[in-house]
């Protein structure tokens, strides 16, 4: 009936993912992830956002930022596999900060 109920459902689905993770059953985990994605689409519907367009924009933003991380690492003779998580996070934050 309202978006708050859908957010409640999202919290429920997150708990179910956590429970599925504890079982280690890949099919159950996949099922719960699918349920969560469905709830997120429903949130988008309530908020009048096209979920596919939102995902496309986020994918593009991710590619741009990750490209910045890779380029910065390459300038120091490193690959992402050779970098620490902290190093990559700092470069990621720099990419975010430099976006217009």
Protein backbone atom coordinates (compact mmCIF):
# COMPACT_ATOMS: atom_id res chain seq x y z
CA UNK A 1 0.00 0.00 0.00
CA UNK A 2 2.87 2.41 0.67
CA UNK A 3 6.62 2.63 0.30
CA UNK A 4 7.25 2.18 4.03
CA UNK A 5 5.74 -1.30 3.80
CA UNK A 6 8.06 -2.07 0.92
CA UNK A 7 11.06 -0.91 2.96
CA UNK A 8 9.89 -3.23 5.74
CA UNK A 9 9.77 -6.04 3.19
CA UNK A 10 13.29 -5.15 2.07
CA UNK A 11 14.56 -5.50 5.65
CA UNK A 12 12.78 -8.85 5.88
CA UNK A 13 14.40 -10.03 2.66
CA UNK A 14 17.84 -8.92 3.88
CA UNK A 15 17.35 -11.04 7.00
CA UNK A 16 16.33 -13.97 4.81
CA UNK A 17 19.50 -13.57 2.73
CA UNK A 18 21.54 -13.63 5.92
CA UNK A 19 19.75 -16.81 7.04
CA UNK A 20 20.30 -18.39 3.61
CA UNK A 21 23.98 -17.51 3.77
CA UNK A 22 24.21 -19.40 7.04
CA UNK A 23 22.92 -22.54 5.32
CA UNK A 24 25.51 -22.25 2.56
CA UNK A 25 22.90 -23.47 0.06
CA UNK A 26 23.61 -21.64 -3.23
CA UNK A 27 20.09 -22.20 -4.60
CA UNK A 28 18.50 -20.77 -1.46
CA UNK A 29 20.87 -17.78 -1.50
CA UNK A 30 20.08 -17.15 -5.17
CA UNK A 31 16.34 -17.34 -4.45
CA UNK A 32 16.60 -14.80 -1.64
CA UNK A 33 18.75 -12.45 -3.76
CA UNK A 34 16.05 -12.62 -6.43
CA UNK A 35 13.42 -11.72 -3.83
CA UNK A 36 15.49 -8.73 -2.72
CA UNK A 37 15.91 -7.51 -6.30
CA UNK A 38 12.16 -7.79 -6.78
CA UNK A 39 11.58 -5.66 -3.68
CA UNK A 40 14.06 -3.03 -4.89
CA UNK A 41 12.17 -2.83 -8.19
CA UNK A 42 8.98 -2.32 -6.21
CA UNK A 43 10.62 0.52 -4.23
CA UNK A 44 11.60 2.13 -7.52
CA UNK A 45 8.00 1.85 -8.71
CA UNK A 46 6.72 3.61 -5.59
CA UNK A 47 9.34 6.35 -5.99
CA UNK A 48 8.57 6.75 -9.71
CA UNK A 49 12.06 5.69 -10.84
CA UNK A 50 12.73 3.45 -13.83
CA UNK A 51 14.76 0.66 -12.20
CA UNK A 52 16.42 -0.41 -15.45
CA UNK A 53 17.55 3.14 -16.21
CA UNK A 54 18.80 3.56 -12.64
CA UNK A 55 20.82 0.35 -12.95
CA UNK A 56 22.24 1.39 -16.33
CA UNK A 57 23.38 4.72 -14.86
CA UNK A 58 24.94 3.01 -11.86
CA UNK A 59 26.75 0.49 -14.09
CA UNK A 60 28.14 3.36 -16.16
CA UNK A 61 29.23 5.23 -13.04
CA UNK A 62 30.90 2.07 -11.71
CA UNK A 63 32.78 1.47 -14.97
CA UNK A 64 34.00 5.08 -14.99
CA UNK A 65 35.19 4.96 -11.39
CA UNK A 66 36.81 1.55 -11.72
CA UNK A 67 38.60 2.71 -14.85
CA UNK A 68 40.02 5.59 -12.78
CA UNK A 69 41.20 3.08 -10.16
CA UNK A 70 42.83 0.87 -12.79
CA UNK A 71 44.52 3.84 -14.50
CA UNK A 72 45.87 5.21 -11.22
CA UNK A 73 47.19 1.81 -10.24
CA UNK A 74 48.77 1.29 -13.66
CA UNK A 75 50.53 4.64 -13.30
CA UNK A 76 52.26 3.08 -10.27
CA UNK A 77 52.96 -0.22 -12.04
CA UNK A 78 50.20 -2.15 -10.24
CA UNK A 79 47.12 -4.12 -11.14
CA UNK A 80 43.97 -4.32 -9.00
CA UNK A 81 45.06 -7.81 -7.94
CA UNK A 82 48.30 -6.35 -6.57
CA UNK A 83 46.68 -3.46 -4.72
CA UNK A 84 45.31 -3.50 -1.21
CA UNK A 85 41.64 -2.88 -0.52
CA UNK A 86 42.59 0.33 1.32
CA UNK A 87 44.57 1.56 -1.68
CA UNK A 88 41.72 0.80 -4.05
CA UNK A 89 39.17 2.42 -1.74
CA UNK A 90 41.24 5.62 -1.61
CA UNK A 91 41.39 5.71 -5.41
CA UNK A 92 37.65 4.97 -5.60
CA UNK A 93 36.90 7.88 -3.28
CA UNK A 94 39.13 10.13 -5.37
CA UNK A 95 37.19 9.10 -8.48
CA UNK A 96 33.91 9.92 -6.71
CA UNK A 97 35.25 13.27 -5.55
CA UNK A 98 36.39 14.22 -9.07
CA UNK A 99 33.01 13.52 -10.69
CA UNK A 100 31.09 16.47 -11.99
